[in-house]
Amino acid sequence: MTRIDIGAEEDFPLEEGVYIGHEKTGGEPIAVFRTDEGIYALNDRCTHGNYSLSEGWVEDGTVECPKHASSFCLANGKVLNLPATEDAPTHTVEVVDGRVLLTPQF
């Protein structure tokens, strides 16, 4: 698996999602989230419907889908409430020398 440099850490605002398109990931779009606890990456699409998690609300280590309000844990992708019943796939992301490196898990 290849690590992809997706930008400087400061390019990722706190408590917001950033969309990384399929042309960069080589597969599905990925949403990257930066919190005080770290940087996380999930598939961008809610598992309940075709809605972008990068456009969701980030709070307390979770992201809430903007359409039907299902929430997912940023750390492990676990679905936390209905209507979604399937976890969101996660991806490896790390900061090295101030750069955010994403390793898609496709």
PDB file of N, CA and C in Angstrom:
ATOM      1  N   MET A   1       0.833  -1.178   0.000  1.00  0.00           N
ATOM      2  CA  MET A   1       0.000   0.000   0.000  1.00  0.00           C
ATOM      3  C   MET A   1       0.879   1.243   0.000  1.00  0.00           C
ATOM      4  N   THR A   2       0.454   2.221  -0.732  1.00  0.00           N
ATOM      5  CA  THR A   2       1.233   3.434  -0.927  1.00  0.00           C
ATOM      6  C   THR A   2       0.737   4.558  -0.043  1.00  0.00           C
ATOM      7  N   ARG A   3       1.662   5.253   0.592  1.00  0.00           N
ATOM      8  CA  ARG A   3       1.315   6.454   1.352  1.00  0.00           C
ATOM      9  C   ARG A   3       1.238   7.626   0.384  1.00  0.00           C
ATOM     10  N   ILE A   4       0.197   8.437   0.561  1.00  0.00           N
ATOM     11  CA  ILE A   4      -0.035   9.590  -0.295  1.00  0.00           C
ATOM     12  C   ILE A   4       0.084  10.853   0.551  1.00  0.00           C
ATOM     13  N   ASP A   5       0.917  11.798   0.131  1.00  0.00           N
ATOM     14  CA  ASP A   5       1.026  13.088   0.806  1.00  0.00           C
ATOM     15  C   ASP A   5      -0.185  13.921   0.393  1.00  0.00           C
ATOM     16  N   ILE A   6      -1.060  14.239   1.352  1.00  0.00           N
ATOM     17  CA  ILE A   6      -2.284  14.977   1.030  1.00  0.00           C
ATOM     18  C   ILE A   6      -2.268  16.408   1.541  1.00  0.00           C
ATOM     19  N   GLY A   7      -1.127  16.864   2.069  1.00  0.00           N
ATOM     20  CA  GLY A   7      -1.024  18.267   2.457  1.00  0.00           C
ATOM     21  C   GLY A   7      -0.359  18.466   3.804  1.00  0.00           C
ATOM     22  N   ALA A   8      -0.221  19.729   4.158  1.00  0.00           N
ATOM     23  CA  ALA A   8       0.350  20.099   5.448  1.00  0.00           C
ATOM     24  C   ALA A   8      -0.712  19.961   6.533  1.00  0.00           C
ATOM     25  N   GLU A   9      -0.298  19.663   7.742  1.00  0.00           N
ATOM     26  CA  GLU A   9      -1.243  19.483   8.840  1.00  0.00           C
ATOM     27  C   GLU A   9      -2.162  20.697   9.001  1.00  0.00           C
ATOM     28  N   GLU A  10      -1.631  21.888   8.830  1.00  0.00           N
ATOM     29  CA  GLU A  10      -2.445  23.096   8.987  1.00  0.00           C
ATOM     30  C   GLU A  10      -3.469  23.287   7.860  1.00  0.00           C
ATOM     31  N   ASP A  11      -3.361  22.494   6.796  1.00  0.00           N
ATOM     32  CA  ASP A  11      -4.368  22.525   5.719  1.00  0.00           C
ATOM     33  C   ASP A  11      -5.675  21.857   6.140  1.00  0.00           C
ATOM     34  N   PHE A  12      -5.675  21.172   7.287  1.00  0.00           N
ATOM     35  CA  PHE A  12      -6.832  20.442   7.770  1.00  0.00           C
ATOM     36  C   PHE A  12      -7.381  21.152   9.012  1.00  0.00           C
ATOM     37  N   PRO A  13      -8.466  21.922   8.842  1.00  0.00           N
ATOM     38  CA  PRO A  13      -9.009  22.674   9.975  1.00  0.00           C
ATOM     39  C   PRO A  13      -9.503  21.746  11.089  1.00  0.00           C
ATOM     40  N   LEU A  14      -9.369  22.205  12.320  1.00  0.00           N
ATOM     41  CA  LEU A  14      -9.861  21.438  13.461  1.00  0.00           C
ATOM     42  C   LEU A  14     -11.370  21.262  13.385  1.00  0.00           C
ATOM     43  N   GLU A  15     -11.811  20.050  13.716  1.00  0.00           N
ATOM     44  CA  GLU A  15     -13.239  19.726  13.820  1.00  0.00           C
ATOM     45  C   GLU A  15     -14.010  19.915  12.508  1.00  0.00           C
ATOM     46  N   GLU A  16     -13.321  19.731  11.371  1.00  0.00           N
ATOM     47  CA  GLU A  16     -13.965  19.796  10.065  1.00  0.00           C
ATOM     48  C   GLU A  16     -13.470  18.647   9.211  1.00  0.00           C
ATOM     49  N   GLY A  17     -14.263  18.289   8.210  1.00  0.00           N
ATOM     50  CA  GLY A  17     -13.868  17.262   7.277  1.00  0.00           C
ATOM     51  C   GLY A  17     -13.279  17.859   6.012  1.00  0.00           C
ATOM     52  N   VAL A  18     -12.337  17.151   5.427  1.00  0.00           N
ATOM     53  CA  VAL A  18     -11.739  17.546   4.154  1.00  0.00           C
ATOM     54  C   VAL A  18     -11.906  16.380   3.183  1.00  0.00           C
ATOM     55  N   TYR A  19     -12.474  16.677   2.032  1.00  0.00           N
ATOM     56  CA  TYR A  19     -12.726  15.689   0.987  1.00  0.00           C
ATOM     57  C   TYR A  19     -11.452  15.428   0.194  1.00  0.00           C
ATOM     58  N   ILE A  20     -11.081  14.150   0.062  1.00  0.00           N
ATOM     59  CA  ILE A  20      -9.949  13.733  -0.776  1.00  0.00           C
ATOM     60  C   ILE A  20     -10.547  12.842  -1.870  1.00  0.00           C
ATOM     61  N   GLY A  21     -10.519  13.331  -3.089  1.00  0.00           N
ATOM     62  CA  GLY A  21     -11.186  12.660  -4.202  1.00  0.00           C
ATOM     63  C   GLY A  21     -10.510  11.393  -4.680  1.00  0.00           C
ATOM     64  N   HIS A  22     -11.270  10.619  -5.456  1.00  0.00           N
ATOM     65  CA  HIS A  22     -10.782   9.328  -5.968  1.00  0.00           C
ATOM     66  C   HIS A  22      -9.564   9.473  -6.862  1.00  0.00           C
ATOM     67  N   GLU A  23      -9.415  10.610  -7.533  1.00  0.00           N
ATOM     68  CA  GLU A  23      -8.241  10.800  -8.385  1.00  0.00           C
ATOM     69  C   GLU A  23      -6.959  10.850  -7.557  1.00  0.00           C
ATOM     70  N   LYS A  24      -7.064  11.256  -6.303  1.00  0.00           N
ATOM     71  CA  LYS A  24      -5.901  11.302  -5.404  1.00  0.00           C
ATOM     72  C   LYS A  24      -5.734   9.982  -4.653  1.00  0.00           C
ATOM     73  N   THR A  25      -6.859   9.350  -4.262  1.00  0.00           N
ATOM     74  CA  THR A  25      -6.784   8.129  -3.452  1.00  0.00           C
ATOM     75  C   THR A  25      -6.555   6.875  -4.274  1.00  0.00           C
ATOM     76  N   GLY A  26      -6.926   6.924  -5.551  1.00  0.00           N
ATOM     77  CA  GLY A  26      -6.815   5.742  -6.391  1.00  0.00           C
ATOM     78  C   GLY A  26      -7.955   4.759  -6.182  1.00  0.00           C
ATOM     79  N   GLY A  27      -8.975   5.185  -5.475  1.00  0.00           N
ATOM     80  CA  GLY A  27     -10.134   4.332  -5.203  1.00  0.00           C
ATOM     81  C   GLY A  27     -11.310   5.208  -4.812  1.00  0.00           C
ATOM     82  N   GLU A  28     -11.960   4.868  -3.718  1.00  0.00           N
ATOM     83  CA  GLU A  28     -13.094   5.646  -3.226  1.00  0.00           C
ATOM     84  C   GLU A  28     -12.635   6.984  -2.648  1.00  0.00           C
ATOM     85  N   PRO A  29     -13.510   8.003  -2.685  1.00  0.00           N
ATOM     86  CA  PRO A  29     -13.194   9.257  -1.986  1.00  0.00           C
ATOM     87  C   PRO A  29     -13.071   9.000  -0.479  1.00  0.00           C
ATOM     88  N   ILE A  30     -12.215   9.769   0.164  1.00  0.00           N
ATOM     89  CA  ILE A  30     -11.952   9.629   1.594  1.00  0.00           C
ATOM     90  C   ILE A  30     -12.162  10.984   2.269  1.00  0.00           C
ATOM     91  N   ALA A  31     -12.731  10.953   3.470  1.00  0.00           N
ATOM     92  CA  ALA A  31     -12.885  12.151   4.290  1.00  0.00           C
ATOM     93  C   ALA A  31     -11.812  12.113   5.376  1.00  0.00           C
ATOM     94  N   VAL A  32     -11.092  13.224   5.524  1.00  0.00           N
ATOM     95  CA  VAL A  32     -10.041  13.321   6.539  1.00  0.00           C
ATOM     96  C   VAL A  32     -10.484  14.355   7.566  1.00  0.00           C
ATOM     97  N   PHE A  33     -10.343  13.996   8.844  1.00  0.00           N
ATOM     98  CA  PHE A  33     -10.786  14.845   9.942  1.00  0.00           C
ATOM     99  C   PHE A  33      -9.636  15.084  10.909  1.00  0.00           C
ATOM    100  N   ARG A  34      -9.454  16.333  11.317  1.00  0.00           N
ATOM    101  CA  ARG A  34      -8.431  16.674  12.315  1.00  0.00           C
ATOM    102  C   ARG A  34      -9.142  17.145  13.578  1.00  0.00           C
ATOM    103  N   THR A  35      -8.776  16.529  14.696  1.00  0.00           N
ATOM    104  CA  THR A  35      -9.307  16.925  15.988  1.00  0.00           C
ATOM    105  C   THR A  35      -8.124  17.195  16.922  1.00  0.00           C
ATOM    106  N   ASP A  36      -8.418  17.609  18.143  1.00  0.00           N
ATOM    107  CA  ASP A  36      -7.346  17.790  19.126  1.00  0.00           C
ATOM    108  C   ASP A  36      -6.655  16.470  19.453  1.00  0.00           C
ATOM    109  N   GLU A  37      -7.351  15.349  19.230  1.00  0.00           N
ATOM    110  CA  GLU A  37      -6.808  14.029  19.536  1.00  0.00           C
ATOM    111  C   GLU A  37      -5.980  13.437  18.404  1.00  0.00           C
ATOM    112  N   GLY A  38      -6.139  13.938  17.187  1.00  0.00           N
ATOM    113  CA  GLY A  38      -5.380  13.381  16.070  1.00  0.00           C
ATOM    114  C   GLY A  38      -6.055  13.616  14.733  1.00  0.00           C
ATOM    115  N   ILE A  39      -5.565  12.900  13.724  1.00  0.00           N
ATOM    116  CA  ILE A  39      -6.114  12.984  12.368  1.00  0.00           C
ATOM    117  C   ILE A  39      -6.642  11.599  12.007  1.00  0.00           C
ATOM    118  N   TYR A  40      -7.841  11.576  11.412  1.00  0.00           N
ATOM    119  CA  TYR A  40      -8.533  10.334  11.107  1.00  0.00           C
ATOM    120  C   TYR A  40      -9.023  10.356   9.665  1.00  0.00           C
ATOM    121  N   ALA A  41      -9.219   9.174   9.095  1.00  0.00           N
ATOM    122  CA  ALA A  41      -9.707   9.071   7.726  1.00  0.00           C
ATOM    123  C   ALA A  41     -10.733   7.944   7.616  1.00  0.00           C
ATOM    124  N   LEU A  42     -11.875   8.274   7.024  1.00  0.00           N
ATOM    125  CA  LEU A  42     -12.952   7.318   6.767  1.00  0.00           C
ATOM    126  C   LEU A  42     -13.341   7.426   5.299  1.00  0.00           C
ATOM    127  N   ASN A  43     -13.964   6.375   4.758  1.00  0.00           N
ATOM    128  CA  ASN A  43     -14.577   6.545   3.439  1.00  0.00           C
ATOM    129  C   ASN A  43     -15.500   7.747   3.511  1.00  0.00           C
ATOM    130  N   ASP A  44     -15.551   8.521   2.458  1.00  0.00           N
ATOM    131  CA  ASP A  44     -16.336   9.760   2.491  1.00  0.00           C
ATOM    132  C   ASP A  44     -17.832   9.516   2.495  1.00  0.00           C
ATOM    133  N   ARG A  45     -18.283   8.405   1.976  1.00  0.00           N
ATOM    134  CA  ARG A  45     -19.724   8.163   1.839  1.00  0.00           C
ATOM    135  C   ARG A  45     -20.310   7.487   3.071  1.00  0.00           C
ATOM    136  N   CYS A  46     -21.412   8.050   3.553  1.00  0.00           N
ATOM    137  CA  CYS A  46     -22.161   7.440   4.646  1.00  0.00           C
ATOM    138  C   CYS A  46     -22.590   6.047   4.206  1.00  0.00           C
ATOM    139  N   THR A  47     -22.543   5.085   5.115  1.00  0.00           N
ATOM    140  CA  THR A  47     -22.912   3.717   4.761  1.00  0.00           C
ATOM    141  C   THR A  47     -24.426   3.540   4.636  1.00  0.00           C
ATOM    142  N   HIS A  48     -25.194   4.532   5.028  1.00  0.00           N
ATOM    143  CA  HIS A  48     -26.650   4.468   4.912  1.00  0.00           C
ATOM    144  C   HIS A  48     -27.136   5.025   3.575  1.00  0.00           C
ATOM    145  N   GLY A  49     -26.404   5.974   3.016  1.00  0.00           N
ATOM    146  CA  GLY A  49     -26.820   6.593   1.764  1.00  0.00           C
ATOM    147  C   GLY A  49     -25.648   7.278   1.106  1.00  0.00           C
ATOM    148  N   ASN A  50     -25.875   7.838  -0.032  1.00  0.00           N
ATOM    149  CA  ASN A  50     -24.806   8.447  -0.819  1.00  0.00           C
ATOM    150  C   ASN A  50     -24.603   9.910  -0.416  1.00  0.00           C
ATOM    151  N   TYR A  51     -24.187  10.110   0.848  1.00  0.00           N
ATOM    152  CA  TYR A  51     -23.972  11.465   1.357  1.00  0.00           C
ATOM    153  C   TYR A  51     -22.554  11.591   1.880  1.00  0.00           C
ATOM    154  N   SER A  52     -21.964  12.758   1.696  1.00  0.00           N
ATOM    155  CA  SER A  52     -20.564  12.998   2.021  1.00  0.00           C
ATOM    156  C   SER A  52     -20.351  13.222   3.516  1.00  0.00           C
ATOM    157  N   LEU A  53     -19.557  12.358   4.136  1.00  0.00           N
ATOM    158  CA  LEU A  53     -19.234  12.556   5.546  1.00  0.00           C
ATOM    159  C   LEU A  53     -18.316  13.751   5.758  1.00  0.00           C
ATOM    160  N   SER A  54     -17.540  14.131   4.734  1.00  0.00           N
ATOM    161  CA  SER A  54     -16.673  15.307   4.886  1.00  0.00           C
ATOM    162  C   SER A  54     -17.490  16.583   5.063  1.00  0.00           C
ATOM    163  N   GLU A  55     -18.778  16.537   4.711  1.00  0.00           N
ATOM    164  CA  GLU A  55     -19.666  17.680   4.901  1.00  0.00           C
ATOM    165  C   GLU A  55     -20.451  17.586   6.208  1.00  0.00           C
ATOM    166  N   GLY A  56     -20.163  16.556   7.002  1.00  0.00           N
ATOM    167  CA  GLY A  56     -20.881  16.335   8.252  1.00  0.00           C
ATOM    168  C   GLY A  56     -20.357  17.177   9.395  1.00  0.00           C
ATOM    169  N   TRP A  57     -20.997  17.012  10.553  1.00  0.00           N
ATOM    170  CA  TRP A  57     -20.630  17.741  11.764  1.00  0.00           C
ATOM    171  C   TRP A  57     -19.682  16.889  12.582  1.00  0.00           C
ATOM    172  N   VAL A  58     -18.565  17.498  13.000  1.00  0.00           N
ATOM    173  CA  VAL A  58     -17.555  16.797  13.780  1.00  0.00           C
ATOM    174  C   VAL A  58     -17.622  17.302  15.222  1.00  0.00           C
ATOM    175  N   GLU A  59     -17.741  16.350  16.152  1.00  0.00           N
ATOM    176  CA  GLU A  59     -17.841  16.719  17.558  1.00  0.00           C
ATOM    177  C   GLU A  59     -17.521  15.503  18.424  1.00  0.00           C
ATOM    178  N   ASP A  60     -16.718  15.722  19.451  1.00  0.00           N
ATOM    179  CA  ASP A  60     -16.410  14.668  20.428  1.00  0.00           C
ATOM    180  C   ASP A  60     -15.928  13.369  19.785  1.00  0.00           C
ATOM    181  N   GLY A  61     -15.060  13.473  18.781  1.00  0.00           N
ATOM    182  CA  GLY A  61     -14.484  12.286  18.163  1.00  0.00           C
ATOM    183  C   GLY A  61     -15.407  11.532  17.243  1.00  0.00           C
ATOM    184  N   THR A  62     -16.499  12.198  16.805  1.00  0.00           N
ATOM    185  CA  THR A  62     -17.440  11.567  15.889  1.00  0.00           C
ATOM    186  C   THR A  62     -17.747  12.498  14.728  1.00  0.00           C
ATOM    187  N   VAL A  63     -18.284  11.917  13.663  1.00  0.00           N
ATOM    188  CA  VAL A  63     -18.821  12.709  12.551  1.00  0.00           C
ATOM    189  C   VAL A  63     -20.266  12.276  12.355  1.00  0.00           C
ATOM    190  N   GLU A  64     -21.126  13.267  12.162  1.00  0.00           N
ATOM    191  CA  GLU A  64     -22.544  13.013  11.930  1.00  0.00           C
ATOM    192  C   GLU A  64     -22.866  13.272  10.473  1.00  0.00           C
ATOM    193  N   CYS A  65     -23.491  12.300   9.816  1.00  0.00           N
ATOM    194  CA  CYS A  65     -23.894  12.446   8.425  1.00  0.00           C
ATOM    195  C   CYS A  65     -24.851  13.637   8.292  1.00  0.00           C
ATOM    196  N   PRO A  66     -24.647  14.485   7.289  1.00  0.00           N
ATOM    197  CA  PRO A  66     -25.495  15.663   7.144  1.00  0.00           C
ATOM    198  C   PRO A  66     -26.910  15.362   6.664  1.00  0.00           C
ATOM    199  N   LYS A  67     -27.192  14.148   6.211  1.00  0.00           N
ATOM    200  CA  LYS A  67     -28.515  13.851   5.676  1.00  0.00           C
ATOM    201  C   LYS A  67     -29.456  13.235   6.712  1.00  0.00           C
ATOM    202  N   HIS A  68     -29.056  12.105   7.301  1.00  0.00           N
ATOM    203  CA  HIS A  68     -29.967  11.398   8.212  1.00  0.00           C
ATOM    204  C   HIS A  68     -29.445  11.296   9.636  1.00  0.00           C
ATOM    205  N   ALA A  69     -28.339  11.974   9.945  1.00  0.00           N
ATOM    206  CA  ALA A  69     -27.811  12.110  11.308  1.00  0.00           C
ATOM    207  C   ALA A  69     -27.210  10.845  11.919  1.00  0.00           C
ATOM    208  N   SER A  70     -26.876   9.840  11.127  1.00  0.00           N
ATOM    209  CA  SER A  70     -26.104   8.726  11.673  1.00  0.00           C
ATOM    210  C   SER A  70     -24.726   9.249  12.047  1.00  0.00           C
ATOM    211  N   SER A  71     -24.179   8.752  13.149  1.00  0.00           N
ATOM    212  CA  SER A  71     -22.852   9.176  13.593  1.00  0.00           C
ATOM    213  C   SER A  71     -21.880   8.012  13.532  1.00  0.00           C
ATOM    214  N   PHE A  72     -20.622   8.344  13.283  1.00  0.00           N
ATOM    215  CA  PHE A  72     -19.555   7.352  13.189  1.00  0.00           C
ATOM    216  C   PHE A  72     -18.379   7.796  14.041  1.00  0.00           C
ATOM    217  N   CYS A  73     -17.746   6.846  14.724  1.00  0.00           N
ATOM    218  CA  CYS A  73     -16.543   7.122  15.489  1.00  0.00           C
ATOM    219  C   CYS A  73     -15.395   7.389  14.514  1.00  0.00           C
ATOM    220  N   LEU A  74     -14.688   8.487  14.706  1.00  0.00           N
ATOM    221  CA  LEU A  74     -13.574   8.811  13.811  1.00  0.00           C
ATOM    222  C   LEU A  74     -12.420   7.823  13.967  1.00  0.00           C
ATOM    223  N   ALA A  75     -12.197   7.326  15.163  1.00  0.00           N
ATOM    224  CA  ALA A  75     -11.048   6.457  15.418  1.00  0.00           C
ATOM    225  C   ALA A  75     -11.170   5.069  14.801  1.00  0.00           C
ATOM    226  N   ASN A  76     -12.408   4.523  14.767  1.00  0.00           N
ATOM    227  CA  ASN A  76     -12.538   3.146  14.281  1.00  0.00           C
ATOM    228  C   ASN A  76     -13.668   2.944  13.269  1.00  0.00           C
ATOM    229  N   GLY A  77     -14.401   4.008  12.932  1.00  0.00           N
ATOM    230  CA  GLY A  77     -15.466   3.919  11.935  1.00  0.00           C
ATOM    231  C   GLY A  77     -16.756   3.282  12.410  1.00  0.00           C
ATOM    232  N   LYS A  78     -16.823   2.900  13.677  1.00  0.00           N
ATOM    233  CA  LYS A  78     -18.030   2.233  14.198  1.00  0.00           C
ATOM    234  C   LYS A  78     -19.239   3.150  14.083  1.00  0.00           C
ATOM    235  N   VAL A  79     -20.339   2.587  13.584  1.00  0.00           N
ATOM    236  CA  VAL A  79     -21.583   3.338  13.519  1.00  0.00           C
ATOM    237  C   VAL A  79     -22.140   3.433  14.942  1.00  0.00           C
ATOM    238  N   LEU A  80     -22.605   4.625  15.312  1.00  0.00           N
ATOM    239  CA  LEU A  80     -23.041   4.864  16.685  1.00  0.00           C
ATOM    240  C   LEU A  80     -24.545   4.995  16.832  1.00  0.00           C
ATOM    241  N   ASN A  81     -25.249   5.235  15.739  1.00  0.00           N
ATOM    242  CA  ASN A  81     -26.704   5.329  15.824  1.00  0.00           C
ATOM    243  C   ASN A  81     -27.338   5.156  14.453  1.00  0.00           C
ATOM    244  N   LEU A  82     -28.609   4.813  14.475  1.00  0.00           N
ATOM    245  CA  LEU A  82     -29.396   4.612  13.257  1.00  0.00           C
ATOM    246  C   LEU A  82     -29.616   5.934  12.536  1.00  0.00           C
ATOM    247  N   PRO A  83     -29.915   5.900  11.238  1.00  0.00           N
ATOM    248  CA  PRO A  83     -30.371   4.746  10.491  1.00  0.00           C
ATOM    249  C   PRO A  83     -29.245   3.868   9.926  1.00  0.00           C
ATOM    250  N   ALA A  84     -28.000   4.331   9.925  1.00  0.00           N
ATOM    251  CA  ALA A  84     -26.908   3.479   9.425  1.00  0.00           C
ATOM    252  C   ALA A  84     -26.736   2.272  10.342  1.00  0.00           C
ATOM    253  N   THR A  85     -26.396   1.140   9.759  1.00  0.00           N
ATOM    254  CA  THR A  85     -26.152  -0.073  10.535  1.00  0.00           C
ATOM    255  C   THR A  85     -24.785  -0.684  10.220  1.00  0.00           C
ATOM    256  N   GLU A  86     -24.101  -0.117   9.234  1.00  0.00           N
ATOM    257  CA  GLU A  86     -22.803  -0.638   8.796  1.00  0.00           C
ATOM    258  C   GLU A  86     -21.709   0.367   9.140  1.00  0.00           C
ATOM    259  N   ASP A  87     -20.591  -0.128   9.670  1.00  0.00           N
ATOM    260  CA  ASP A  87     -19.463   0.734  10.015  1.00  0.00           C
ATOM    261  C   ASP A  87     -18.862   1.379   8.763  1.00  0.00           C
ATOM    262  N   ALA A  88     -18.226   2.532   8.948  1.00  0.00           N
ATOM    263  CA  ALA A  88     -17.527   3.219   7.855  1.00  0.00           C
ATOM    264  C   ALA A  88     -16.089   2.702   7.788  1.00  0.00           C
ATOM    265  N   PRO A  89     -15.630   2.295   6.619  1.00  0.00           N
ATOM    266  CA  PRO A  89     -14.240   1.845   6.495  1.00  0.00           C
ATOM    267  C   PRO A  89     -13.256   2.960   6.865  1.00  0.00           C
ATOM    268  N   THR A  90     -12.193   2.569   7.555  1.00  0.00           N
ATOM    269  CA  THR A  90     -11.163   3.522   7.975  1.00  0.00           C
ATOM    270  C   THR A  90      -9.904   3.354   7.136  1.00  0.00           C
ATOM    271  N   HIS A  91      -9.058   4.374   7.197  1.00  0.00           N
ATOM    272  CA  HIS A  91      -7.795   4.376   6.458  1.00  0.00           C
ATOM    273  C   HIS A  91      -6.695   4.894   7.376  1.00  0.00           C
ATOM    274  N   THR A  92      -5.496   4.459   7.132  1.00  0.00           N
ATOM    275  CA  THR A  92      -4.360   4.880   7.944  1.00  0.00           C
ATOM    276  C   THR A  92      -3.935   6.286   7.543  1.00  0.00           C
ATOM    277  N   VAL A  93      -3.772   7.138   8.543  1.00  0.00           N
ATOM    278  CA  VAL A  93      -3.309   8.502   8.295  1.00  0.00           C
ATOM    279  C   VAL A  93      -2.344   8.873   9.415  1.00  0.00           C
ATOM    280  N   GLU A  94      -1.261   9.535   9.046  1.00  0.00           N
ATOM    281  CA  GLU A  94      -0.255   9.939  10.032  1.00  0.00           C
ATOM    282  C   GLU A  94       0.368  11.258   9.621  1.00  0.00           C
ATOM    283  N   VAL A  95       0.962  11.935  10.586  1.00  0.00           N
ATOM    284  CA  VAL A  95       1.662  13.190  10.326  1.00  0.00           C
ATOM    285  C   VAL A  95       3.151  12.930  10.488  1.00  0.00           C
ATOM    286  N   VAL A  96       3.908  13.239   9.435  1.00  0.00           N
ATOM    287  CA  VAL A  96       5.356  13.076   9.450  1.00  0.00           C
ATOM    288  C   VAL A  96       5.969  14.393   8.997  1.00  0.00           C
ATOM    289  N   ASP A  97       6.757  14.995   9.874  1.00  0.00           N
ATOM    290  CA  ASP A  97       7.412  16.272   9.569  1.00  0.00           C
ATOM    291  C   ASP A  97       6.407  17.319   9.087  1.00  0.00           C
ATOM    292  N   GLY A  98       5.238  17.358   9.727  1.00  0.00           N
ATOM    293  CA  GLY A  98       4.229  18.358   9.400  1.00  0.00           C
ATOM    294  C   GLY A  98       3.388  18.058   8.171  1.00  0.00           C
ATOM    295  N   ARG A  99       3.646  16.921   7.511  1.00  0.00           N
ATOM    296  CA  ARG A  99       2.880  16.526   6.315  1.00  0.00           C
ATOM    297  C   ARG A  99       1.917  15.405   6.692  1.00  0.00           C
ATOM    298  N   VAL A 100       0.717  15.446   6.131  1.00  0.00           N
ATOM    299  CA  VAL A 100      -0.290  14.422   6.392  1.00  0.00           C
ATOM    300  C   VAL A 100      -0.165  13.353   5.311  1.00  0.00           C
ATOM    301  N   LEU A 101       0.073  12.129   5.748  1.00  0.00           N
ATOM    302  CA  LEU A 101       0.260  11.002   4.838  1.00  0.00           C
ATOM    303  C   LEU A 101      -0.884  10.025   5.013  1.00  0.00           C
ATOM    304  N   LEU A 102      -1.558   9.731   3.919  1.00  0.00           N
ATOM    305  CA  LEU A 102      -2.727   8.851   3.899  1.00  0.00           C
ATOM    306  C   LEU A 102      -2.356   7.540   3.217  1.00  0.00           C
ATOM    307  N   THR A 103      -2.715   6.434   3.854  1.00  0.00           N
ATOM    308  CA  THR A 103      -2.549   5.123   3.238  1.00  0.00           C
ATOM    309  C   THR A 103      -3.933   4.516   3.069  1.00  0.00           C
ATOM    310  N   PRO A 104      -4.515   4.629   1.862  1.00  0.00           N
ATOM    311  CA  PRO A 104      -5.840   4.040   1.640  1.00  0.00           C
ATOM    312  C   PRO A 104      -5.812   2.529   1.861  1.00  0.00           C
ATOM    313  N   GLN A 105      -6.876   2.011   2.465  1.00  0.00           N
ATOM    314  CA  GLN A 105      -6.972   0.580   2.768  1.00  0.00           C
ATOM    315  C   GLN A 105      -7.981  -0.083   1.829  1.00  0.00           C
ATOM    316  N   PHE A 106      -7.779   0.078   0.527  1.00  0.00           N
ATOM    317  CA  PHE A 106      -8.691  -0.530  -0.455  1.00  0.00           C
ATOM    318  C   PHE A 106      -8.246  -1.933  -0.775  1.00  0.00           C
TER     319      PHE A 106
END
